[in-house]
């Protein structure tokens, strides 16, 4: 059901060290990092992201996993119809990997909801 979760942290270095140590017994490690983002998970798939910096409103980011790109598009359309606000239209987000197909909306409270499909385009549509 869940693909990954992202939380904001106030002190990036301190929080990165905390999560590296605290998640070690679970077999999670730091698997991806750029700028003030750190992704923790197994192998090369981040499941928990932390992002440093300040935020005026606490914002949760939850990403749900989809097995088809059409599901991503359907989620986006229906979420906007239900009153969500656009925050990232359906498309490939190559900064994460070449097959990262996702859409992001803000719920009524400003939390980010994402649906992502990791399968290559040649296995889709």
PDB file of N, CA and C in Angstrom:
ATOM      1  N   UNK A   1       0.816  -1.188   0.000  1.00  0.00           N
ATOM      2  CA  UNK A   1       0.000   0.000   0.000  1.00  0.00           C
ATOM      3  C   UNK A   1       0.861   1.253   0.000  1.00  0.00           C
ATOM      4  N   UNK A   2       1.732   1.410   0.983  1.00  0.00           N
ATOM      5  CA  UNK A   2       2.573   2.609   1.048  1.00  0.00           C
ATOM      6  C   UNK A   2       3.860   2.383   0.274  1.00  0.00           C
ATOM      7  N   UNK A   3       4.295   3.417  -0.408  1.00  0.00           N
ATOM      8  CA  UNK A   3       5.566   3.367  -1.117  1.00  0.00           C
ATOM      9  C   UNK A   3       6.644   4.051  -0.292  1.00  0.00           C
ATOM     10  N   UNK A   4       6.351   5.246   0.205  1.00  0.00           N
ATOM     11  CA  UNK A   4       7.289   5.944   1.084  1.00  0.00           C
ATOM     12  C   UNK A   4       6.574   7.068   1.825  1.00  0.00           C
ATOM     13  N   UNK A   5       7.232   7.550   2.879  1.00  0.00           N
ATOM     14  CA  UNK A   5       6.738   8.653   3.698  1.00  0.00           C
ATOM     15  C   UNK A   5       7.877   9.664   3.828  1.00  0.00           C
ATOM     16  N   UNK A   6       7.544  10.959   3.816  1.00  0.00           N
ATOM     17  CA  UNK A   6       8.554  11.995   4.008  1.00  0.00           C
ATOM     18  C   UNK A   6       8.135  12.889   5.159  1.00  0.00           C
ATOM     19  N   UNK A   7       9.100  13.238   5.991  1.00  0.00           N
ATOM     20  CA  UNK A   7       8.853  14.165   7.083  1.00  0.00           C
ATOM     21  C   UNK A   7       9.893  15.291   7.025  1.00  0.00           C
ATOM     22  N   UNK A   8       9.512  16.453   7.519  1.00  0.00           N
ATOM     23  CA  UNK A   8      10.437  17.583   7.633  1.00  0.00           C
ATOM     24  C   UNK A   8      11.139  17.487   8.984  1.00  0.00           C
ATOM     25  N   UNK A   9      12.411  17.819   8.987  1.00  0.00           N
ATOM     26  CA  UNK A   9      13.190  17.844  10.226  1.00  0.00           C
ATOM     27  C   UNK A   9      13.829  19.223  10.359  1.00  0.00           C
ATOM     28  N   UNK A  10      14.077  19.649  11.587  1.00  0.00           N
ATOM     29  CA  UNK A  10      14.637  20.982  11.821  1.00  0.00           C
ATOM     30  C   UNK A  10      16.155  21.014  11.669  1.00  0.00           C
ATOM     31  N   UNK A  11      16.827  19.951  12.084  1.00  0.00           N
ATOM     32  CA  UNK A  11      18.278  19.888  11.993  1.00  0.00           C
ATOM     33  C   UNK A  11      18.632  18.657  11.169  1.00  0.00           C
ATOM     34  N   UNK A  12      18.963  18.886   9.904  1.00  0.00           N
ATOM     35  CA  UNK A  12      19.169  17.779   8.967  1.00  0.00           C
ATOM     36  C   UNK A  12      20.288  16.839   9.420  1.00  0.00           C
ATOM     37  N   UNK A  13      21.438  17.378   9.746  1.00  0.00           N
ATOM     38  CA  UNK A  13      22.589  16.536  10.129  1.00  0.00           C
ATOM     39  C   UNK A  13      22.270  15.685  11.360  1.00  0.00           C
ATOM     40  N   UNK A  14      21.691  16.319  12.367  1.00  0.00           N
ATOM     41  CA  UNK A  14      21.350  15.587  13.597  1.00  0.00           C
ATOM     42  C   UNK A  14      20.327  14.499  13.309  1.00  0.00           C
ATOM     43  N   UNK A  15      19.309  14.816  12.537  1.00  0.00           N
ATOM     44  CA  UNK A  15      18.264  13.837  12.238  1.00  0.00           C
ATOM     45  C   UNK A  15      18.773  12.712  11.350  1.00  0.00           C
ATOM     46  N   UNK A  16      19.633  13.044  10.382  1.00  0.00           N
ATOM     47  CA  UNK A  16      20.199  11.995   9.526  1.00  0.00           C
ATOM     48  C   UNK A  16      20.973  10.996  10.382  1.00  0.00           C
ATOM     49  N   UNK A  17      21.808  11.484  11.294  1.00  0.00           N
ATOM     50  CA  UNK A  17      22.553  10.598  12.185  1.00  0.00           C
ATOM     51  C   UNK A  17      21.645   9.771  13.075  1.00  0.00           C
ATOM     52  N   UNK A  18      20.600  10.409  13.591  1.00  0.00           N
ATOM     53  CA  UNK A  18      19.639   9.701  14.443  1.00  0.00           C
ATOM     54  C   UNK A  18      18.998   8.537  13.691  1.00  0.00           C
ATOM     55  N   UNK A  19      18.467   8.808  12.506  1.00  0.00           N
ATOM     56  CA  UNK A  19      17.779   7.760  11.753  1.00  0.00           C
ATOM     57  C   UNK A  19      18.737   6.674  11.280  1.00  0.00           C
ATOM     58  N   UNK A  20      19.959   7.037  10.921  1.00  0.00           N
ATOM     59  CA  UNK A  20      20.940   6.024  10.528  1.00  0.00           C
ATOM     60  C   UNK A  20      21.167   5.028  11.662  1.00  0.00           C
ATOM     61  N   UNK A  21      21.311   5.537  12.860  1.00  0.00           N
ATOM     62  CA  UNK A  21      21.579   4.670  14.006  1.00  0.00           C
ATOM     63  C   UNK A  21      20.321   3.945  14.476  1.00  0.00           C
ATOM     64  N   UNK A  22      19.222   4.665  14.603  1.00  0.00           N
ATOM     65  CA  UNK A  22      18.001   4.075  15.163  1.00  0.00           C
ATOM     66  C   UNK A  22      17.404   3.002  14.250  1.00  0.00           C
ATOM     67  N   UNK A  23      17.538   3.138  12.931  1.00  0.00           N
ATOM     68  CA  UNK A  23      16.933   2.185  12.004  1.00  0.00           C
ATOM     69  C   UNK A  23      17.835   0.998  11.668  1.00  0.00           C
ATOM     70  N   UNK A  24      19.093   1.056  12.127  1.00  0.00           N
ATOM     71  CA  UNK A  24      20.048  -0.007  11.845  1.00  0.00           C
ATOM     72  C   UNK A  24      19.547  -1.399  12.265  1.00  0.00           C
ATOM     73  N   UNK A  25      18.962  -1.563  13.467  1.00  0.00           N
ATOM     74  CA  UNK A  25      18.507  -2.898  13.857  1.00  0.00           C
ATOM     75  C   UNK A  25      17.402  -3.454  12.953  1.00  0.00           C
ATOM     76  N   UNK A  26      16.704  -2.566  12.246  1.00  0.00           N
ATOM     77  CA  UNK A  26      15.635  -3.007  11.355  1.00  0.00           C
ATOM     78  C   UNK A  26      16.161  -3.364   9.968  1.00  0.00           C
ATOM     79  N   UNK A  27      17.440  -3.154   9.759  1.00  0.00           N
ATOM     80  CA  UNK A  27      18.027  -3.442   8.467  1.00  0.00           C
ATOM     81  C   UNK A  27      17.924  -2.292   7.481  1.00  0.00           C
ATOM     82  N   UNK A  28      17.477  -1.133   7.950  1.00  0.00           N
ATOM     83  CA  UNK A  28      17.380   0.045   7.083  1.00  0.00           C
ATOM     84  C   UNK A  28      18.693   0.815   7.131  1.00  0.00           C
ATOM     85  N   UNK A  29      19.054   1.390   6.015  1.00  0.00           N
ATOM     86  CA  UNK A  29      20.237   2.228   5.945  1.00  0.00           C
ATOM     87  C   UNK A  29      19.981   3.427   5.063  1.00  0.00           C
ATOM     88  N   UNK A  30      20.942   4.325   5.025  1.00  0.00           N
ATOM     89  CA  UNK A  30      20.878   5.481   4.161  1.00  0.00           C
ATOM     90  C   UNK A  30      21.163   4.998   2.740  1.00  0.00           C
ATOM     91  N   UNK A  31      20.150   5.061   1.855  1.00  0.00           N
ATOM     92  CA  UNK A  31      20.307   4.519   0.505  1.00  0.00           C
ATOM     93  C   UNK A  31      20.311   5.594  -0.580  1.00  0.00           C
ATOM     94  N   UNK A  32      19.927   6.816  -0.238  1.00  0.00           N
ATOM     95  CA  UNK A  32      19.939   7.901  -1.218  1.00  0.00           C
ATOM     96  C   UNK A  32      20.013   9.223  -0.467  1.00  0.00           C
ATOM     97  N   UNK A  33      20.786  10.144  -1.025  1.00  0.00           N
ATOM     98  CA  UNK A  33      20.903  11.456  -0.389  1.00  0.00           C
ATOM     99  C   UNK A  33      21.231  12.502  -1.436  1.00  0.00           C
ATOM    100  N   UNK A  34      20.553  13.639  -1.361  1.00  0.00           N
ATOM    101  CA  UNK A  34      20.907  14.787  -2.167  1.00  0.00           C
ATOM    102  C   UNK A  34      20.414  16.040  -1.469  1.00  0.00           C
ATOM    103  N   UNK A  35      21.200  17.114  -1.594  1.00  0.00           N
ATOM    104  CA  UNK A  35      20.910  18.366  -0.920  1.00  0.00           C
ATOM    105  C   UNK A  35      20.599  18.103   0.551  1.00  0.00           C
ATOM    106  N   UNK A  36      19.423  18.533   1.016  1.00  0.00           N
ATOM    107  CA  UNK A  36      19.053  18.300   2.417  1.00  0.00           C
ATOM    108  C   UNK A  36      17.965  17.227   2.513  1.00  0.00           C
ATOM    109  N   UNK A  37      18.072  16.204   1.660  1.00  0.00           N
ATOM    110  CA  UNK A  37      17.162  15.065   1.661  1.00  0.00           C
ATOM    111  C   UNK A  37      17.960  13.800   1.942  1.00  0.00           C
ATOM    112  N   UNK A  38      17.417  12.914   2.763  1.00  0.00           N
ATOM    113  CA  UNK A  38      18.024  11.606   3.006  1.00  0.00           C
ATOM    114  C   UNK A  38      16.929  10.551   2.928  1.00  0.00           C
ATOM    115  N   UNK A  39      17.212   9.492   2.173  1.00  0.00           N
ATOM    116  CA  UNK A  39      16.250   8.409   2.024  1.00  0.00           C
ATOM    117  C   UNK A  39      16.775   7.140   2.670  1.00  0.00           C
ATOM    118  N   UNK A  40      15.977   6.552   3.543  1.00  0.00           N
ATOM    119  CA  UNK A  40      16.359   5.345   4.261  1.00  0.00           C
ATOM    120  C   UNK A  40      15.509   4.179   3.777  1.00  0.00           C
ATOM    121  N   UNK A  41      16.144   3.015   3.644  1.00  0.00           N
ATOM    122  CA  UNK A  41      15.400   1.839   3.217  1.00  0.00           C
ATOM    123  C   UNK A  41      16.302   0.637   3.127  1.00  0.00           C
ATOM    124  N   UNK A  42      15.814  -0.374   2.422  1.00  0.00           N
ATOM    125  CA  UNK A  42      16.573  -1.596   2.154  1.00  0.00           C
ATOM    126  C   UNK A  42      17.069  -1.541   0.729  1.00  0.00           C
ATOM    127  N   UNK A  43      18.211  -2.121   0.473  1.00  0.00           N
ATOM    128  CA  UNK A  43      18.812  -2.136  -0.865  1.00  0.00           C
ATOM    129  C   UNK A  43      18.917  -0.699  -1.375  1.00  0.00           C
ATOM    130  N   UNK A  44      18.287  -0.382  -2.502  1.00  0.00           N
ATOM    131  CA  UNK A  44      18.401   0.981  -3.041  1.00  0.00           C
ATOM    132  C   UNK A  44      17.059   1.695  -3.087  1.00  0.00           C
ATOM    133  N   UNK A  45      16.062   1.221  -2.347  1.00  0.00           N
ATOM    134  CA  UNK A  45      14.709   1.780  -2.385  1.00  0.00           C
ATOM    135  C   UNK A  45      14.412   2.525  -1.086  1.00  0.00           C
ATOM    136  N   UNK A  46      14.419   3.878  -1.114  1.00  0.00           N
ATOM    137  CA  UNK A  46      14.054   4.638   0.084  1.00  0.00           C
ATOM    138  C   UNK A  46      12.575   4.455   0.424  1.00  0.00           C
ATOM    139  N   UNK A  47      12.294   4.233   1.691  1.00  0.00           N
ATOM    140  CA  UNK A  47      10.916   4.119   2.156  1.00  0.00           C
ATOM    141  C   UNK A  47      10.572   5.223   3.155  1.00  0.00           C
ATOM    142  N   UNK A  48      11.583   5.774   3.792  1.00  0.00           N
ATOM    143  CA  UNK A  48      11.407   6.912   4.691  1.00  0.00           C
ATOM    144  C   UNK A  48      12.358   8.003   4.228  1.00  0.00           C
ATOM    145  N   UNK A  49      11.809   9.171   3.935  1.00  0.00           N
ATOM    146  CA  UNK A  49      12.608  10.330   3.562  1.00  0.00           C
ATOM    147  C   UNK A  49      12.540  11.354   4.692  1.00  0.00           C
ATOM    148  N   UNK A  50      13.679  11.989   4.950  1.00  0.00           N
ATOM    149  CA  UNK A  50      13.676  13.166   5.808  1.00  0.00           C
ATOM    150  C   UNK A  50      14.168  14.327   4.964  1.00  0.00           C
ATOM    151  N   UNK A  51      13.629  15.498   5.252  1.00  0.00           N
ATOM    152  CA  UNK A  51      14.037  16.696   4.531  1.00  0.00           C
ATOM    153  C   UNK A  51      14.309  17.796   5.544  1.00  0.00           C
ATOM    154  N   UNK A  52      15.468  18.395   5.446  1.00  0.00           N
ATOM    155  CA  UNK A  52      15.839  19.448   6.364  1.00  0.00           C
ATOM    156  C   UNK A  52      15.250  20.785   5.983  1.00  0.00           C
ATOM    157  N   UNK A  53      15.322  21.708   6.906  1.00  0.00           N
ATOM    158  CA  UNK A  53      14.848  23.061   6.653  1.00  0.00           C
ATOM    159  C   UNK A  53      13.674  23.407   7.542  1.00  0.00           C
ATOM    160  N   UNK A  54      13.241  24.627   7.392  1.00  0.00           N
ATOM    161  CA  UNK A  54      12.111  25.076   8.201  1.00  0.00           C
ATOM    162  C   UNK A  54      10.846  25.068   7.365  1.00  0.00           C
ATOM    163  N   UNK A  55       9.758  24.842   8.017  1.00  0.00           N
ATOM    164  CA  UNK A  55       8.464  24.847   7.355  1.00  0.00           C
ATOM    165  C   UNK A  55       7.500  25.606   8.241  1.00  0.00           C
ATOM    166  N   UNK A  56       6.720  26.497   7.656  1.00  0.00           N
ATOM    167  CA  UNK A  56       5.771  27.264   8.461  1.00  0.00           C
ATOM    168  C   UNK A  56       4.589  26.406   8.891  1.00  0.00           C
ATOM    169  N   UNK A  57       4.310  25.362   8.143  1.00  0.00           N
ATOM    170  CA  UNK A  57       3.243  24.428   8.528  1.00  0.00           C
ATOM    171  C   UNK A  57       3.789  23.016   8.459  1.00  0.00           C
ATOM    172  N   UNK A  58       3.513  22.210   9.463  1.00  0.00           N
ATOM    173  CA  UNK A  58       3.955  20.819   9.407  1.00  0.00           C
ATOM    174  C   UNK A  58       3.275  20.153   8.214  1.00  0.00           C
ATOM    175  N   UNK A  59       4.055  19.477   7.402  1.00  0.00           N
ATOM    176  CA  UNK A  59       3.491  18.855   6.222  1.00  0.00           C
ATOM    177  C   UNK A  59       3.944  17.405   6.145  1.00  0.00           C
ATOM    178  N   UNK A  60       2.987  16.542   6.012  1.00  0.00           N
ATOM    179  CA  UNK A  60       3.264  15.123   5.851  1.00  0.00           C
ATOM    180  C   UNK A  60       3.191  14.794   4.379  1.00  0.00           C
ATOM    181  N   UNK A  61       4.054  13.907   3.923  1.00  0.00           N
ATOM    182  CA  UNK A  61       4.052  13.445   2.534  1.00  0.00           C
ATOM    183  C   UNK A  61       3.919  11.930   2.576  1.00  0.00           C
ATOM    184  N   UNK A  62       2.830  11.425   2.014  1.00  0.00           N
ATOM    185  CA  UNK A  62       2.603   9.979   1.963  1.00  0.00           C
ATOM    186  C   UNK A  62       2.479   9.583   0.507  1.00  0.00           C
ATOM    187  N   UNK A  63       3.242   8.582   0.094  1.00  0.00           N
ATOM    188  CA  UNK A  63       3.177   8.090  -1.284  1.00  0.00           C
ATOM    189  C   UNK A  63       2.633   6.671  -1.283  1.00  0.00           C
ATOM    190  N   UNK A  64       1.613   6.464  -2.083  1.00  0.00           N
ATOM    191  CA  UNK A  64       0.998   5.153  -2.251  1.00  0.00           C
ATOM    192  C   UNK A  64       1.552   4.511  -3.518  1.00  0.00           C
ATOM    193  N   UNK A  65       1.708   3.191  -3.496  1.00  0.00           N
ATOM    194  CA  UNK A  65       2.260   2.453  -4.618  1.00  0.00           C
ATOM    195  C   UNK A  65       1.153   2.021  -5.567  1.00  0.00           C
ATOM    196  N   UNK A  66       1.384   2.181  -6.854  1.00  0.00           N
ATOM    197  CA  UNK A  66       0.458   1.719  -7.889  1.00  0.00           C
ATOM    198  C   UNK A  66       1.206   0.772  -8.822  1.00  0.00           C
ATOM    199  N   UNK A  67       0.506  -0.190  -9.357  1.00  0.00           N
ATOM    200  CA  UNK A  67       1.114  -1.154 -10.279  1.00  0.00           C
ATOM    201  C   UNK A  67       0.921  -0.763 -11.742  1.00  0.00           C
ATOM    202  N   UNK A  68       0.141   0.291 -11.996  1.00  0.00           N
ATOM    203  CA  UNK A  68      -0.087   0.748 -13.366  1.00  0.00           C
ATOM    204  C   UNK A  68      -0.096   2.267 -13.411  1.00  0.00           C
ATOM    205  N   UNK A  69       0.415   2.829 -14.483  1.00  0.00           N
ATOM    206  CA  UNK A  69       0.440   4.281 -14.642  1.00  0.00           C
ATOM    207  C   UNK A  69      -0.972   4.855 -14.756  1.00  0.00           C
ATOM    208  N   UNK A  70      -1.899   4.093 -15.289  1.00  0.00           N
ATOM    209  CA  UNK A  70      -3.272   4.579 -15.397  1.00  0.00           C
ATOM    210  C   UNK A  70      -3.855   4.854 -14.010  1.00  0.00           C
ATOM    211  N   UNK A  71      -3.466   4.065 -13.029  1.00  0.00           N
ATOM    212  CA  UNK A  71      -3.928   4.279 -11.655  1.00  0.00           C
ATOM    213  C   UNK A  71      -3.433   5.638 -11.151  1.00  0.00           C
ATOM    214  N   UNK A  72      -2.209   6.000 -11.513  1.00  0.00           N
ATOM    215  CA  UNK A  72      -1.661   7.310 -11.135  1.00  0.00           C
ATOM    216  C   UNK A  72      -2.521   8.417 -11.733  1.00  0.00           C
ATOM    217  N   UNK A  73      -2.846   8.286 -13.004  1.00  0.00           N
ATOM    218  CA  UNK A  73      -3.651   9.303 -13.676  1.00  0.00           C
ATOM    219  C   UNK A  73      -5.063   9.372 -13.098  1.00  0.00           C
ATOM    220  N   UNK A  74      -5.653   8.214 -12.800  1.00  0.00           N
ATOM    221  CA  UNK A  74      -6.997   8.184 -12.213  1.00  0.00           C
ATOM    222  C   UNK A  74      -7.012   8.844 -10.836  1.00  0.00           C
ATOM    223  N   UNK A  75      -6.009   8.530 -10.017  1.00  0.00           N
ATOM    224  CA  UNK A  75      -5.891   9.149  -8.689  1.00  0.00           C
ATOM    225  C   UNK A  75      -5.854  10.668  -8.829  1.00  0.00           C
ATOM    226  N   UNK A  76      -5.002  11.155  -9.714  1.00  0.00           N
ATOM    227  CA  UNK A  76      -4.825  12.595  -9.895  1.00  0.00           C
ATOM    228  C   UNK A  76      -6.149  13.260 -10.266  1.00  0.00           C
ATOM    229  N   UNK A  77      -6.822  12.725 -11.252  1.00  0.00           N
ATOM    230  CA  UNK A  77      -8.097  13.295 -11.723  1.00  0.00           C
ATOM    231  C   UNK A  77      -9.145  13.294 -10.612  1.00  0.00           C
ATOM    232  N   UNK A  78      -9.315  12.159  -9.952  1.00  0.00           N
ATOM    233  CA  UNK A  78     -10.349  12.047  -8.919  1.00  0.00           C
ATOM    234  C   UNK A  78     -10.022  12.892  -7.686  1.00  0.00           C
ATOM    235  N   UNK A  79      -8.739  12.972  -7.337  1.00  0.00           N
ATOM    236  CA  UNK A  79      -8.349  13.790  -6.174  1.00  0.00           C
ATOM    237  C   UNK A  79      -8.625  15.261  -6.436  1.00  0.00           C
ATOM    238  N   UNK A  80      -8.360  15.727  -7.654  1.00  0.00           N
ATOM    239  CA  UNK A  80      -8.657  17.127  -7.992  1.00  0.00           C
ATOM    240  C   UNK A  80     -10.161  17.363  -8.003  1.00  0.00           C
ATOM    241  N   UNK A  81     -10.921  16.412  -8.534  1.00  0.00           N
ATOM    242  CA  UNK A  81     -12.380  16.537  -8.532  1.00  0.00           C
ATOM    243  C   UNK A  81     -12.935  16.593  -7.111  1.00  0.00           C
ATOM    244  N   UNK A  82     -12.264  15.926  -6.172  1.00  0.00           N
ATOM    245  CA  UNK A  82     -12.718  15.880  -4.785  1.00  0.00           C
ATOM    246  C   UNK A  82     -12.277  17.101  -3.987  1.00  0.00           C
ATOM    247  N   UNK A  83     -11.581  18.043  -4.623  1.00  0.00           N
ATOM    248  CA  UNK A  83     -11.178  19.260  -3.931  1.00  0.00           C
ATOM    249  C   UNK A  83      -9.704  19.369  -3.621  1.00  0.00           C
ATOM    250  N   UNK A  84      -8.904  18.385  -4.048  1.00  0.00           N
ATOM    251  CA  UNK A  84      -7.464  18.469  -3.847  1.00  0.00           C
ATOM    252  C   UNK A  84      -6.854  19.540  -4.737  1.00  0.00           C
ATOM    253  N   UNK A  85      -5.642  19.958  -4.398  1.00  0.00           N
ATOM    254  CA  UNK A  85      -4.938  20.958  -5.193  1.00  0.00           C
ATOM    255  C   UNK A  85      -3.729  20.310  -5.860  1.00  0.00           C
ATOM    256  N   UNK A  86      -3.499  20.666  -7.109  1.00  0.00           N
ATOM    257  CA  UNK A  86      -2.401  20.106  -7.887  1.00  0.00           C
ATOM    258  C   UNK A  86      -1.056  20.501  -7.283  1.00  0.00           C
ATOM    259  N   UNK A  87      -0.138  19.522  -7.186  1.00  0.00           N
ATOM    260  CA  UNK A  87       1.203  19.808  -6.705  1.00  0.00           C
ATOM    261  C   UNK A  87       2.264  19.083  -7.524  1.00  0.00           C
ATOM    262  N   UNK A  88       1.844  18.382  -8.543  1.00  0.00           N
ATOM    263  CA  UNK A  88       2.757  17.667  -9.426  1.00  0.00           C
ATOM    264  C   UNK A  88       1.947  16.785 -10.354  1.00  0.00           C
ATOM    265  N   UNK A  89       1.783  17.190 -11.614  1.00  0.00           N
ATOM    266  CA  UNK A  89       0.932  16.435 -12.525  1.00  0.00           C
ATOM    267  C   UNK A  89       1.520  15.061 -12.848  1.00  0.00           C
ATOM    268  N   UNK A  90       0.697  14.156 -13.348  1.00  0.00           N
ATOM    269  CA  UNK A  90       1.204  12.832 -13.724  1.00  0.00           C
ATOM    270  C   UNK A  90       2.347  12.956 -14.723  1.00  0.00           C
ATOM    271  N   UNK A  91       3.413  12.235 -14.459  1.00  0.00           N
ATOM    272  CA  UNK A  91       4.558  12.251 -15.359  1.00  0.00           C
ATOM    273  C   UNK A  91       5.736  11.526 -14.751  1.00  0.00           C
ATOM    274  N   UNK A  92       6.799  11.435 -15.536  1.00  0.00           N
ATOM    275  CA  UNK A  92       8.040  10.795 -15.096  1.00  0.00           C
ATOM    276  C   UNK A  92       8.868  11.820 -14.334  1.00  0.00           C
ATOM    277  N   UNK A  93       9.318  11.452 -13.154  1.00  0.00           N
ATOM    278  CA  UNK A  93      10.172  12.295 -12.318  1.00  0.00           C
ATOM    279  C   UNK A  93      11.551  11.635 -12.271  1.00  0.00           C
ATOM    280  N   UNK A  94      12.354  11.924 -13.297  1.00  0.00           N
ATOM    281  CA  UNK A  94      13.629  11.242 -13.490  1.00  0.00           C
ATOM    282  C   UNK A  94      14.653  11.510 -12.402  1.00  0.00           C
ATOM    283  N   UNK A  95      14.470  12.572 -11.607  1.00  0.00           N
ATOM    284  CA  UNK A  95      15.436  12.833 -10.545  1.00  0.00           C
ATOM    285  C   UNK A  95      15.461  11.691  -9.526  1.00  0.00           C
ATOM    286  N   UNK A  96      14.391  10.900  -9.477  1.00  0.00           N
ATOM    287  CA  UNK A  96      14.352   9.755  -8.565  1.00  0.00           C
ATOM    288  C   UNK A  96      14.816   8.481  -9.263  1.00  0.00           C
ATOM    289  N   UNK A  97      14.307   8.189 -10.445  1.00  0.00           N
ATOM    290  CA  UNK A  97      14.834   7.156 -11.340  1.00  0.00           C
ATOM    291  C   UNK A  97      14.060   7.235 -12.650  1.00  0.00           C
ATOM    292  N   UNK A  98      14.573   6.652 -13.734  1.00  0.00           N
ATOM    293  CA  UNK A  98      13.987   6.845 -15.064  1.00  0.00           C
ATOM    294  C   UNK A  98      12.546   6.356 -15.231  1.00  0.00           C
ATOM    295  N   UNK A  99      12.081   5.479 -14.367  1.00  0.00           N
ATOM    296  CA  UNK A  99      10.724   4.937 -14.495  1.00  0.00           C
ATOM    297  C   UNK A  99       9.795   5.410 -13.382  1.00  0.00           C
ATOM    298  N   UNK A 100      10.177   6.452 -12.664  1.00  0.00           N
ATOM    299  CA  UNK A 100       9.389   6.965 -11.544  1.00  0.00           C
ATOM    300  C   UNK A 100       8.244   7.801 -12.102  1.00  0.00           C
ATOM    301  N   UNK A 101       7.063   7.196 -12.210  1.00  0.00           N
ATOM    302  CA  UNK A 101       5.887   7.857 -12.770  1.00  0.00           C
ATOM    303  C   UNK A 101       4.946   8.169 -11.617  1.00  0.00           C
ATOM    304  N   UNK A 102       4.665   9.449 -11.396  1.00  0.00           N
ATOM    305  CA  UNK A 102       3.917   9.827 -10.203  1.00  0.00           C
ATOM    306  C   UNK A 102       3.047  11.047 -10.455  1.00  0.00           C
ATOM    307  N   UNK A 103       2.150  11.285  -9.521  1.00  0.00           N
ATOM    308  CA  UNK A 103       1.342  12.499  -9.455  1.00  0.00           C
ATOM    309  C   UNK A 103       1.184  12.857  -7.990  1.00  0.00           C
ATOM    310  N   UNK A 104       1.128  14.162  -7.702  1.00  0.00           N
ATOM    311  CA  UNK A 104       1.046  14.636  -6.319  1.00  0.00           C
ATOM    312  C   UNK A 104      -0.067  15.669  -6.206  1.00  0.00           C
ATOM    313  N   UNK A 105      -0.861  15.532  -5.153  1.00  0.00           N
ATOM    314  CA  UNK A 105      -1.899  16.520  -4.851  1.00  0.00           C
ATOM    315  C   UNK A 105      -1.784  16.903  -3.378  1.00  0.00           C
ATOM    316  N   UNK A 106      -2.316  18.078  -3.053  1.00  0.00           N
ATOM    317  CA  UNK A 106      -2.411  18.509  -1.664  1.00  0.00           C
ATOM    318  C   UNK A 106      -3.826  18.233  -1.194  1.00  0.00           C
ATOM    319  N   UNK A 107      -3.943  17.616  -0.024  1.00  0.00           N
ATOM    320  CA  UNK A 107      -5.275  17.377   0.533  1.00  0.00           C
ATOM    321  C   UNK A 107      -5.813  18.681   1.118  1.00  0.00           C
ATOM    322  N   UNK A 108      -7.037  18.710   1.630  1.00  0.00           N
ATOM    323  CA  UNK A 108      -7.608  19.960   2.151  1.00  0.00           C
ATOM    324  C   UNK A 108      -6.797  20.620   3.277  1.00  0.00           C
ATOM    325  N   UNK A 109      -5.949  19.841   3.976  1.00  0.00           N
ATOM    326  CA  UNK A 109      -5.123  20.404   5.037  1.00  0.00           C
ATOM    327  C   UNK A 109      -3.709  20.721   4.584  1.00  0.00           C
ATOM    328  N   UNK A 110      -3.405  20.526   3.316  1.00  0.00           N
ATOM    329  CA  UNK A 110      -2.085  20.847   2.791  1.00  0.00           C
ATOM    330  C   UNK A 110      -1.081  19.721   2.827  1.00  0.00           C
ATOM    331  N   UNK A 111      -1.491  18.522   3.227  1.00  0.00           N
ATOM    332  CA  UNK A 111      -0.581  17.379   3.221  1.00  0.00           C
ATOM    333  C   UNK A 111      -0.432  16.858   1.795  1.00  0.00           C
ATOM    334  N   UNK A 112       0.769  16.388   1.465  1.00  0.00           N
ATOM    335  CA  UNK A 112       1.026  15.885   0.123  1.00  0.00           C
ATOM    336  C   UNK A 112       0.656  14.411   0.038  1.00  0.00           C
ATOM    337  N   UNK A 113      -0.160  14.087  -0.965  1.00  0.00           N
ATOM    338  CA  UNK A 113      -0.496  12.704  -1.272  1.00  0.00           C
ATOM    339  C   UNK A 113       0.039  12.415  -2.662  1.00  0.00           C
ATOM    340  N   UNK A 114       0.808  11.352  -2.768  1.00  0.00           N
ATOM    341  CA  UNK A 114       1.422  10.975  -4.030  1.00  0.00           C
ATOM    342  C   UNK A 114       1.039   9.542  -4.352  1.00  0.00           C
ATOM    343  N   UNK A 115       0.884   9.262  -5.636  1.00  0.00           N
ATOM    344  CA  UNK A 115       0.771   7.888  -6.099  1.00  0.00           C
ATOM    345  C   UNK A 115       1.879   7.698  -7.111  1.00  0.00           C
ATOM    346  N   UNK A 116       2.636   6.596  -6.955  1.00  0.00           N
ATOM    347  CA  UNK A 116       3.799   6.355  -7.803  1.00  0.00           C
ATOM    348  C   UNK A 116       3.780   4.936  -8.351  1.00  0.00           C
ATOM    349  N   UNK A 117       4.166   4.827  -9.618  1.00  0.00           N
ATOM    350  CA  UNK A 117       4.359   3.535 -10.278  1.00  0.00           C
ATOM    351  C   UNK A 117       5.829   3.465 -10.684  1.00  0.00           C
ATOM    352  N   UNK A 118       6.499   2.369 -10.319  1.00  0.00           N
ATOM    353  CA  UNK A 118       7.923   2.228 -10.609  1.00  0.00           C
ATOM    354  C   UNK A 118       8.200   1.390 -11.855  1.00  0.00           C
ATOM    355  N   UNK A 119       7.171   0.874 -12.495  1.00  0.00           N
ATOM    356  CA  UNK A 119       7.373  -0.014 -13.639  1.00  0.00           C
ATOM    357  C   UNK A 119       7.737   0.771 -14.897  1.00  0.00           C
ATOM    358  N   UNK A 120       8.596   0.211 -15.731  1.00  0.00           N
ATOM    359  CA  UNK A 120       8.980   0.894 -16.975  1.00  0.00           C
ATOM    360  C   UNK A 120       7.799   1.104 -17.917  1.00  0.00           C
ATOM    361  N   UNK A 121       7.895   2.111 -18.747  1.00  0.00           N
ATOM    362  CA  UNK A 121       6.815   2.464 -19.675  1.00  0.00           C
ATOM    363  C   UNK A 121       6.485   1.304 -20.615  1.00  0.00           C
ATOM    364  N   UNK A 122       7.477   0.520 -21.008  1.00  0.00           N
ATOM    365  CA  UNK A 122       7.196  -0.563 -21.958  1.00  0.00           C
ATOM    366  C   UNK A 122       6.360  -1.690 -21.329  1.00  0.00           C
ATOM    367  N   UNK A 123       6.175  -1.651 -20.026  1.00  0.00           N
ATOM    368  CA  UNK A 123       5.305  -2.619 -19.355  1.00  0.00           C
ATOM    369  C   UNK A 123       3.942  -2.005 -19.046  1.00  0.00           C
ATOM    370  N   UNK A 124       3.711  -0.787 -19.538  1.00  0.00           N
ATOM    371  CA  UNK A 124       2.493  -0.042 -19.249  1.00  0.00           C
ATOM    372  C   UNK A 124       1.685   0.215 -20.510  1.00  0.00           C
ATOM    373  N   UNK A 125       0.454   0.566 -20.309  1.00  0.00           N
ATOM    374  CA  UNK A 125      -0.483   1.005 -21.344  1.00  0.00           C
ATOM    375  C   UNK A 125      -0.341   0.154 -22.580  1.00  0.00           C
TER     376      UNK A 125
END
